[in-house]
Amino acid sequence: MQINGKAVEACSGKFFDVINPATGELIDRVPRGTGDDAAIAVEAASLASGSWASTSPQQRARVFYRAVEIVRQRLNALAVLLTQEQGKPLIEAKNEIEGFANVLEYYCGLASSPQGDFIQVPQNGYAISVKKPLGVCAAIIPWNMPALIMSWKIGPALISGNTLVLKPASNTPLTNLTLASILSEAGLPAGVLNVVTGPGELVGEALVKEHKVRKVSFTGECATGKRVAQLAVSGKKGVTLELGGSDPMLVCDDADLERAVSGALRGRFYNCGQTCTAVKRIYVFESIAEEFIKKLEDSVRKLRVGNGMGENIDMGPLNNRRQWEYVKELVAEIEEKDEGRIITGGKVPADSACCRGYFFEPTLIVDVPRESRLLKEEVFGPVLPVVRVKDLDEAIEEANNTIYGLGASIWTKNIDRAVSGCEQLKAGIIWINQHLKVAPEVPFGGVKESGIGRENGPYALSEYLDIKTIMLKI
């Protein structure tokens, strides 16, 4: 872990292993932090808070710019590390590291943007609103996109003058630790960013309970998110939650099928399906269903599965045994209950090169009943159900029939259909003729049980600022 910008051992003196999900081999060992370690990190962040808040926005931006330059110089090495601990193909890892740099670079441009207001108040003089950093913040991030989601947290928090304690996922802490050390190398003062590795029930819970932490930003599963929200509210803290989703893809009868198939392929099987805004379920008009399904099946069969470090690999392994077992059990249950027809995939690859890792074939399932777990749960893995619907109204009704509301996409050439769908779909982000892409400039977050608050863009800055009002009468 890193406290005050330096690597330290956990108070417990214990460590845990970081395993390569493609090979089962040990990559490294990191400290198994405790609540005491979280408290030490929060204190370090608290001590650094005042001086960092008084640092000019331009100086903060210069640190970010230097960090971005170093990250891009070391892009290949960082991508290799990310692939080894997370499992994704090397090209996807490179894109994610570049995404980390892009987000920090974007916030450099927003460093001076938080401005207050001068308001004339009739008969009472004037009011001045001033925006101030909150102070110490905490962030808890998942293993599926550790570098990118780290940037979503630290970008707006640090550039607006806050200090932060980051708890990475235990499966993927190495890239986060390395990126944090790069920020320190770039000139980030000691204590501004601290990283504590360890179990969520120890480190994460302790961070949320720390009275000096003013805000918590959490990305992860719903059950844990609800626990974070309860603790944050009881401690009078601000909270941002991104809790995943079950994104629907609606394919109309006038859609460009080649484009829709390509979008479905990337939208579902990118990162082995382990993306919050992945295409989790497809609703396609009956009149084009057979043609669409056949084209999609042909494309899915061509996906090359293997170790992300290999050449020409389209999809790596699942990140961990828990996810692997879940996907296997889910597909087996679908077969046992006859709740769909698997037209390709559905099993662990027979290739001996995949025997030691958490691999599962890209899987396409049709004729899925409306109450299937495939359509109700957030399936974090390479399994894609396709459901036939008669029209857009039915597609929207089924798409909204879930506890989630993160993302959704509509594939049509008809602007009226697109507008109607955007109005009626209950989701935080809706794509038209595309899916999955989230630029640093746009707000990202969900509705219903997919979360609270927004990340990215200038909207995220407001999540890390207090407004102080000064009433003036001369």
Foldseek 3Di string as FASTA:
>chain_A
DFAQLDDDAAPVNDWDFAAFQQFRDTDDIHHAHFLVVLVRLQVLQQVCQPVLQPDALLVLLQLLVQLLVVLVVCLQVLLVLLCRLFVWASVLSSVLSNLLSQLLNVLSVCLPVDAWDWAQDPPQGIKIKDKGFPEEAEEEEESLRQSNVVSLPCRLNSSNRYAYEYEYHQSRCPSVSVSSSSSVVSPDGTSRYHYDYHDCVGNVVSNLQDLSHQEYEYEEALVVQVVSVVSNVVSNHHYWYFHAFAAEEEEEPAFPLVLVLVQLCCLQCRSQNQDRFRNLEYEYAPVCVVVSVVVNVVVLVPAAEHGSHDPPHRHTAGNDPVLLVVLLVLLVVCVVVVQWDKPDWNAADPDPSRVNRSHGRQIETENGDLPRCSLEPSNRGRYYYYYYDNHLVVSQVSSQPYQWAFEYEYGHPDPVSVVVSVVRHAHPYYYYSHTDDDHQQDWGFTPGSSIDATTHHVRNSVSRIDMDMDRDDD
